[in-house]
Amino acid sequence: MSVRTALAQTARSSATRAPARRPLSHRLASSSAPPPPAPTAAEQHAARQLDWPTYLSLRKSQRVYGLVASIPTTLIGFSAGAGYFATIESDPGDLIFGIEPVYAYGLATLSCVGLGWLAGPTVGGALWRLTHRNVAKAMEAKDKDFFRHISRWRADPSRQSATNPAPDYYAEKVGSLRQYRSWLRDQNIFRRKAAFGSKDEAVL
C-alpha cells in the first residue's frame, strides 16, 4: 500500500464531499495540538504488514477482550473486598473518617469493584497479545499510524459544552472503515456546532 494510506484517503474524500466546510475545518484544526512525529522506516515497514480493514478488525477484537475480561476481574474485586471487609470486627461507635464503619467498609468494597473493572482492559489486552503474538509488532506500529490520523482529524475538545459534547476523542469505538467515516462526520458536526451553534441556536 502506498504512503497515502486508506485512512488518509477516507479523510480526504470526506472533506472533498463538502468543499464549503473545508476552510472552517482548517481554521479550527489550527488551534489543536501538533500531530505526533513522523514514523520511522522500521515502523512504516511493520505497519505495512497489516491493511486497514484487518487492523481495525483486530483492534475491535482487542477491545472485546478487554470488555469480556472486565467481568471476572470485577467479580474478583467484589469477592476480595467483601470477603476482607466483612471479617473486620468494629465498634459501631467508632467512626472512620466521620462515618460509621459499615458504610465505610461498603464504600471500600465498591472501590474494590471499581478497581476490578478498571483492571479488565489491562488483563484482556495481555490475553489478546498472548493469542495474537504473530501480529503484535505490526499492531503496535499500526496503532501509532492510526493515532496519527486520529490526532490530525479529531476536533478540539476544549470547545465542547453540555449540549455539544466532544465525540469519541480517542476513536475507541472505531472497528471498521465505515465506523471511521462515521467518526469523521461526527467530528465535523461537532466543529460546526461549536462554531455556529445548532439550528435552534442559530442567529437569524
Protein backbone atom coordinates (compact mmCIF):
# COMPACT_ATOMS: atom_id res chain seq x y z
CA MET A 1 0.00 0.00 0.00
CA SER A 2 1.30 3.50 -0.84
CA VAL A 3 2.23 6.16 1.65
CA ARG A 4 -1.19 7.69 1.18
CA THR A 5 -2.98 5.15 3.30
CA ALA A 6 -6.62 4.15 3.22
CA LEU A 7 -7.44 6.24 6.28
CA ALA A 8 -5.94 9.37 4.74
CA GLN A 9 -7.88 8.76 1.53
CA THR A 10 -11.08 8.31 3.52
CA ALA A 11 -10.48 11.54 5.44
CA ARG A 12 -9.72 13.49 2.28
CA SER A 13 -12.78 12.11 0.48
CA SER A 14 -14.95 13.10 3.45
CA ALA A 15 -13.56 16.65 3.28
CA THR A 16 -13.98 16.97 -0.50
CA ARG A 17 -17.64 15.96 -0.35
CA ALA A 18 -18.31 19.25 1.50
CA PRO A 19 -15.89 21.82 0.00
CA ALA A 20 -17.62 24.79 1.63
CA ARG A 21 -16.80 23.45 5.11
CA ARG A 22 -13.15 22.72 4.48
CA PRO A 23 -11.78 26.22 5.30
CA LEU A 24 -13.69 26.09 8.61
CA SER A 25 -12.14 22.71 9.42
CA HIS A 26 -8.67 24.02 8.73
CA ARG A 27 -9.24 27.13 10.87
CA LEU A 28 -10.47 25.06 13.78
CA ALA A 29 -7.73 22.45 13.36
CA SER A 30 -5.07 25.17 13.62
CA SER A 31 -5.88 25.60 17.33
CA SER A 32 -5.45 21.90 18.14
CA ALA A 33 -2.30 20.19 19.42
CA PRO A 34 0.50 19.46 16.90
CA PRO A 35 0.50 15.96 15.35
CA PRO A 36 2.84 13.22 16.63
CA PRO A 37 6.28 12.85 14.99
CA ALA A 38 6.56 11.07 11.67
CA PRO A 39 7.03 7.27 11.79
CA THR A 40 10.46 5.73 11.39
CA ALA A 41 11.34 3.42 8.49
CA ALA A 42 11.05 0.37 10.77
CA GLU A 43 7.60 1.44 11.94
CA GLN A 44 6.45 2.04 8.38
CA HIS A 45 7.64 -1.43 7.35
CA ALA A 46 5.87 -3.08 10.30
CA ALA A 47 2.67 -1.10 9.70
CA ARG A 48 2.53 -2.18 6.05
CA GLN A 49 2.19 -5.80 7.16
CA LEU A 50 -1.48 -5.10 8.01
CA ASP A 51 -4.05 -3.47 5.77
CA TRP A 52 -6.55 -1.10 7.36
CA PRO A 53 -9.65 -3.38 7.36
CA THR A 54 -7.64 -6.18 9.02
CA TYR A 55 -6.10 -3.80 11.54
CA LEU A 56 -9.43 -2.27 12.53
CA SER A 57 -10.97 -5.73 12.88
CA LEU A 58 -8.12 -6.83 15.16
CA ARG A 59 -8.42 -3.60 17.12
CA LYS A 60 -12.12 -4.29 17.65
CA SER A 61 -11.38 -7.81 18.89
CA GLN A 62 -8.78 -6.39 21.28
CA ARG A 63 -11.41 -4.09 22.76
CA VAL A 64 -13.83 -7.01 23.12
CA TYR A 65 -11.17 -8.95 25.02
CA GLY A 66 -10.88 -6.07 27.46
CA LEU A 67 -14.64 -5.78 27.97
CA VAL A 68 -15.07 -9.53 28.49
CA ALA A 69 -12.12 -9.68 30.89
CA SER A 70 -13.73 -6.91 32.96
CA ILE A 71 -16.49 -9.30 34.04
CA PRO A 72 -14.31 -11.78 36.01
CA THR A 73 -11.98 -9.06 37.29
CA THR A 74 -14.99 -7.15 38.64
CA LEU A 75 -16.30 -10.28 40.35
CA ILE A 76 -12.86 -10.94 41.82
CA GLY A 77 -12.69 -7.37 43.09
CA PHE A 78 -16.11 -7.69 44.72
CA SER A 79 -15.29 -11.08 46.27
CA ALA A 80 -11.95 -9.88 47.62
CA GLY A 81 -13.37 -6.64 49.00
CA ALA A 82 -16.49 -8.17 50.53
CA GLY A 83 -14.57 -11.14 51.90
CA TYR A 84 -11.98 -8.94 53.59
CA PHE A 85 -14.10 -6.12 54.98
CA ALA A 86 -16.86 -8.49 56.15
CA THR A 87 -14.39 -10.17 58.52
CA ILE A 88 -13.33 -6.96 60.25
CA GLU A 89 -14.86 -6.55 63.68
CA SER A 90 -15.59 -2.97 64.62
CA ASP A 91 -17.49 -1.00 67.22
CA PRO A 92 -20.44 0.91 65.67
CA GLY A 93 -19.49 3.85 67.86
CA ASP A 94 -16.03 4.14 66.30
CA LEU A 95 -16.26 6.40 63.26
CA ILE A 96 -13.98 6.09 60.23
CA PHE A 97 -13.39 9.47 58.58
CA GLY A 98 -16.54 10.69 60.28
CA ILE A 99 -18.86 7.91 59.06
CA GLU A 100 -20.00 4.62 60.56
CA PRO A 101 -17.78 1.58 59.87
CA VAL A 102 -20.48 -0.33 57.98
CA TYR A 103 -20.78 2.48 55.43
CA ALA A 104 -17.01 2.96 55.25
CA TYR A 105 -16.49 -0.74 54.54
CA GLY A 106 -19.27 -0.65 51.98
CA LEU A 107 -17.55 2.19 50.13
CA ALA A 108 -14.24 0.35 50.33
CA THR A 109 -15.90 -2.74 48.82
CA LEU A 110 -17.29 -0.61 45.97
CA SER A 111 -13.80 0.74 45.41
CA CYS A 112 -12.53 -2.82 45.03
CA VAL A 113 -15.27 -3.43 42.46
CA GLY A 114 -14.20 -0.32 40.56
CA LEU A 115 -10.54 -1.36 40.59
CA GLY A 116 -11.54 -4.79 39.29
CA TRP A 117 -13.48 -3.20 36.44
CA LEU A 118 -10.57 -0.91 35.54
CA ALA A 119 -8.16 -3.86 35.58
CA GLY A 120 -10.25 -5.68 32.97
CA PRO A 121 -8.86 -3.94 29.84
CA THR A 122 -5.30 -4.49 31.06
CA VAL A 123 -5.87 -8.19 31.66
CA GLY A 124 -7.82 -8.56 28.42
CA GLY A 125 -5.11 -6.75 26.46
CA ALA A 126 -2.45 -9.07 27.88
CA LEU A 127 -4.51 -12.13 26.91
CA TRP A 128 -5.09 -10.73 23.44
CA ARG A 129 -1.37 -10.19 22.90
CA LEU A 130 -0.66 -13.77 24.01
CA THR A 131 -3.12 -15.15 21.46
CA HIS A 132 -2.01 -12.78 18.66
CA ARG A 133 1.75 -12.78 19.08
CA ASN A 134 2.31 -13.11 15.32
CA VAL A 135 0.82 -9.65 14.68
CA ALA A 136 1.85 -7.90 17.91
CA LYS A 137 4.63 -5.78 16.37
CA ALA A 138 2.57 -4.91 13.31
CA MET A 139 -0.34 -3.89 15.54
CA GLU A 140 1.89 -1.68 17.67
CA ALA A 141 3.23 0.11 14.59
CA LYS A 142 -0.25 0.38 13.07
CA ASP A 143 -1.59 1.78 16.35
CA LYS A 144 0.88 4.66 16.12
CA ASP A 145 -0.09 5.27 12.50
CA PHE A 146 -3.79 5.17 13.40
CA PHE A 147 -3.45 7.64 16.26
CA ARG A 148 -1.52 10.00 14.00
CA HIS A 149 -4.60 10.08 11.78
CA ILE A 150 -6.91 10.49 14.77
CA SER A 151 -4.90 13.36 16.25
CA ARG A 152 -4.94 15.08 12.87
CA TRP A 153 -8.68 14.91 12.21
CA ARG A 154 -10.33 14.99 15.62
CA ALA A 155 -11.96 18.18 16.83
CA ASP A 156 -10.69 20.38 19.63
CA PRO A 157 -12.40 19.06 22.81
CA SER A 158 -11.98 22.39 24.62
CA ARG A 159 -14.90 23.71 22.54
CA GLN A 160 -17.38 21.20 23.96
CA SER A 161 -20.43 22.18 26.00
CA ALA A 162 -23.29 20.49 27.81
CA THR A 163 -25.37 20.47 24.61
CA ASN A 164 -22.43 19.63 22.33
CA PRO A 165 -20.09 17.05 23.95
CA ALA A 166 -16.90 16.01 22.17
CA PRO A 167 -17.48 12.75 20.25
CA ASP A 168 -15.20 9.73 20.97
CA TYR A 169 -11.92 11.62 21.45
CA TYR A 170 -9.71 8.51 21.17
CA ALA A 171 -11.85 6.79 18.48
CA GLU A 172 -12.22 3.77 20.75
CA LYS A 173 -15.41 2.64 19.03
CA VAL A 174 -13.89 2.60 15.54
CA GLY A 175 -13.70 -1.01 14.35
CA SER A 176 -14.11 -0.67 10.58
CA LEU A 177 -13.63 1.83 7.77
CA ARG A 178 -17.38 2.54 7.82
CA GLN A 179 -17.18 3.45 11.51
CA TYR A 180 -14.12 5.58 10.79
CA ARG A 181 -16.08 7.56 8.19
CA SER A 182 -18.88 7.95 10.72
CA TRP A 183 -16.33 9.18 13.28
CA LEU A 184 -15.10 11.80 10.77
CA ARG A 185 -18.67 13.00 10.21
CA ASP A 186 -19.21 13.28 13.97
CA GLN A 187 -16.07 15.40 14.29
CA ASN A 188 -17.25 17.74 11.51
CA ILE A 189 -20.71 18.05 13.07
CA PHE A 190 -19.11 18.89 16.42
CA ARG A 191 -16.95 21.59 14.78
CA ARG A 192 -19.92 23.21 13.06
CA LYS A 193 -22.00 23.24 16.24
CA ALA A 194 -19.06 24.63 18.24
CA ALA A 195 -18.59 27.41 15.69
CA PHE A 196 -22.17 28.32 14.81
CA GLY A 197 -24.41 26.50 17.32
CA SER A 198 -27.30 24.19 16.47
CA LYS A 199 -30.17 25.22 14.18
CA ASP A 200 -32.29 26.17 17.17
CA GLU A 201 -29.49 28.43 18.41
CA ALA A 202 -28.63 29.96 15.03
CA VAL A 203 -28.78 33.74 14.80
CA LEU A 204 -31.16 34.91 12.00
